[in-house]
Amino acid sequence: MTDLAGATWRKSTRSGGSGGNCVEVADNLPGVVGVRDSKDPTGAALVFATATWAAFVDGVKEQRQR
């Protein structure tokens, strides 16, 4: 299990008017990225390897450009 105690969580700047349906990302930890539901900050978080998260973000950006 990855310790997320030192995580610095942030929401996307594009999540402003979504009515609270947001995710938060912590990308300040070595080798991992945490993802959690902003409505439940004490709940479970998903943890991805940094390279896996980067590939996901790149894929999303690619899809948006189509």
C-alpha atoms as a PDB file:
ATOM      1  CA  MET A   1       0.000   0.000   0.000  1.00  0.00           C
ATOM      2  CA  THR A   2       1.315   3.447  -0.911  1.00  0.00           C
ATOM      3  CA  ASP A   3       1.453   6.059   1.837  1.00  0.00           C
ATOM      4  CA  LEU A   4      -0.336   9.199   0.622  1.00  0.00           C
ATOM      5  CA  ALA A   5       0.123  11.135   3.884  1.00  0.00           C
ATOM      6  CA  GLY A   6       2.444  13.665   2.218  1.00  0.00           C
ATOM      7  CA  ALA A   7       0.247  14.116  -0.852  1.00  0.00           C
ATOM      8  CA  THR A   8      -0.596  17.612  -2.031  1.00  0.00           C
ATOM      9  CA  TRP A   9      -4.012  17.335  -3.684  1.00  0.00           C
ATOM     10  CA  ARG A  10      -5.260  19.647  -6.430  1.00  0.00           C
ATOM     11  CA  LYS A  11      -8.285  19.928  -8.677  1.00  0.00           C
ATOM     12  CA  SER A  12      -8.163  20.780 -12.337  1.00  0.00           C
ATOM     13  CA  THR A  13      -8.541  24.462 -13.103  1.00  0.00           C
ATOM     14  CA  ARG A  14     -11.199  23.382 -15.608  1.00  0.00           C
ATOM     15  CA  SER A  15     -13.440  21.839 -12.943  1.00  0.00           C
ATOM     16  CA  GLY A  16     -14.995  25.136 -11.797  1.00  0.00           C
ATOM     17  CA  GLY A  17     -18.678  24.720 -12.698  1.00  0.00           C
ATOM     18  CA  SER A  18     -19.061  20.977 -12.470  1.00  0.00           C
ATOM     19  CA  GLY A  19     -21.251  20.910  -9.367  1.00  0.00           C
ATOM     20  CA  GLY A  20     -18.679  19.098  -7.267  1.00  0.00           C
ATOM     21  CA  ASN A  21     -18.161  16.163  -9.620  1.00  0.00           C
ATOM     22  CA  CYS A  22     -14.385  16.388  -9.634  1.00  0.00           C
ATOM     23  CA  VAL A  23     -11.326  14.335  -9.030  1.00  0.00           C
ATOM     24  CA  GLU A  24      -8.219  15.520  -7.253  1.00  0.00           C
ATOM     25  CA  VAL A  25      -4.708  14.526  -8.246  1.00  0.00           C
ATOM     26  CA  ALA A  26      -1.568  14.381  -6.120  1.00  0.00           C
ATOM     27  CA  ASP A  27       1.525  14.333  -8.293  1.00  0.00           C
ATOM     28  CA  ASN A  28       4.114  15.426  -5.749  1.00  0.00           C
ATOM     29  CA  LEU A  29       5.063  11.944  -4.537  1.00  0.00           C
ATOM     30  CA  PRO A  30       8.070  10.077  -5.945  1.00  0.00           C
ATOM     31  CA  GLY A  31       7.101   7.516  -8.581  1.00  0.00           C
ATOM     32  CA  VAL A  32       3.321   7.609  -8.067  1.00  0.00           C
ATOM     33  CA  VAL A  33       0.265   9.753  -8.727  1.00  0.00           C
ATOM     34  CA  GLY A  34      -2.767   9.601  -6.440  1.00  0.00           C
ATOM     35  CA  VAL A  35      -6.314  10.201  -7.680  1.00  0.00           C
ATOM     36  CA  ARG A  36      -9.341  10.634  -5.416  1.00  0.00           C
ATOM     37  CA  ASP A  37     -12.937  11.868  -5.412  1.00  0.00           C
ATOM     38  CA  SER A  38     -13.003  15.499  -4.286  1.00  0.00           C
ATOM     39  CA  LYS A  39     -16.332  14.925  -2.501  1.00  0.00           C
ATOM     40  CA  ASP A  40     -14.784  12.201  -0.324  1.00  0.00           C
ATOM     41  CA  PRO A  41     -11.241  13.332   0.549  1.00  0.00           C
ATOM     42  CA  THR A  42     -10.895  10.791   3.355  1.00  0.00           C
ATOM     43  CA  GLY A  43     -12.093   7.922   1.179  1.00  0.00           C
ATOM     44  CA  ALA A  44     -10.115   5.578  -1.004  1.00  0.00           C
ATOM     45  CA  ALA A  45      -7.644   6.831  -3.581  1.00  0.00           C
ATOM     46  CA  LEU A  46      -6.322   5.191  -6.707  1.00  0.00           C
ATOM     47  CA  VAL A  47      -2.551   5.106  -7.119  1.00  0.00           C
ATOM     48  CA  PHE A  48      -0.837   4.960 -10.507  1.00  0.00           C
ATOM     49  CA  ALA A  49       2.805   4.730 -11.497  1.00  0.00           C
ATOM     50  CA  THR A  50       3.966   8.103 -12.814  1.00  0.00           C
ATOM     51  CA  ALA A  51       4.550   6.710 -16.319  1.00  0.00           C
ATOM     52  CA  THR A  52       1.098   5.100 -16.394  1.00  0.00           C
ATOM     53  CA  TRP A  53      -0.570   8.374 -15.371  1.00  0.00           C
ATOM     54  CA  ALA A  54       1.423  10.305 -17.985  1.00  0.00           C
ATOM     55  CA  ALA A  55       0.304   7.847 -20.687  1.00  0.00           C
ATOM     56  CA  PHE A  56      -3.335   8.261 -19.596  1.00  0.00           C
ATOM     57  CA  VAL A  57      -3.108  12.069 -19.694  1.00  0.00           C
ATOM     58  CA  ASP A  58      -1.412  11.978 -23.108  1.00  0.00           C
ATOM     59  CA  GLY A  59      -4.182   9.695 -24.409  1.00  0.00           C
ATOM     60  CA  VAL A  60      -6.888  12.041 -23.137  1.00  0.00           C
ATOM     61  CA  LYS A  61      -5.174  15.014 -24.760  1.00  0.00           C
ATOM     62  CA  GLU A  62      -4.905  13.111 -28.022  1.00  0.00           C
ATOM     63  CA  GLN A  63      -8.621  12.274 -27.976  1.00  0.00           C
ATOM     64  CA  ARG A  64      -9.545  15.925 -27.309  1.00  0.00           C
ATOM     65  CA  GLN A  65      -7.592  17.011 -30.388  1.00  0.00           C
ATOM     66  CA  ARG A  66      -9.628  14.780 -32.704  1.00  0.00           C
END
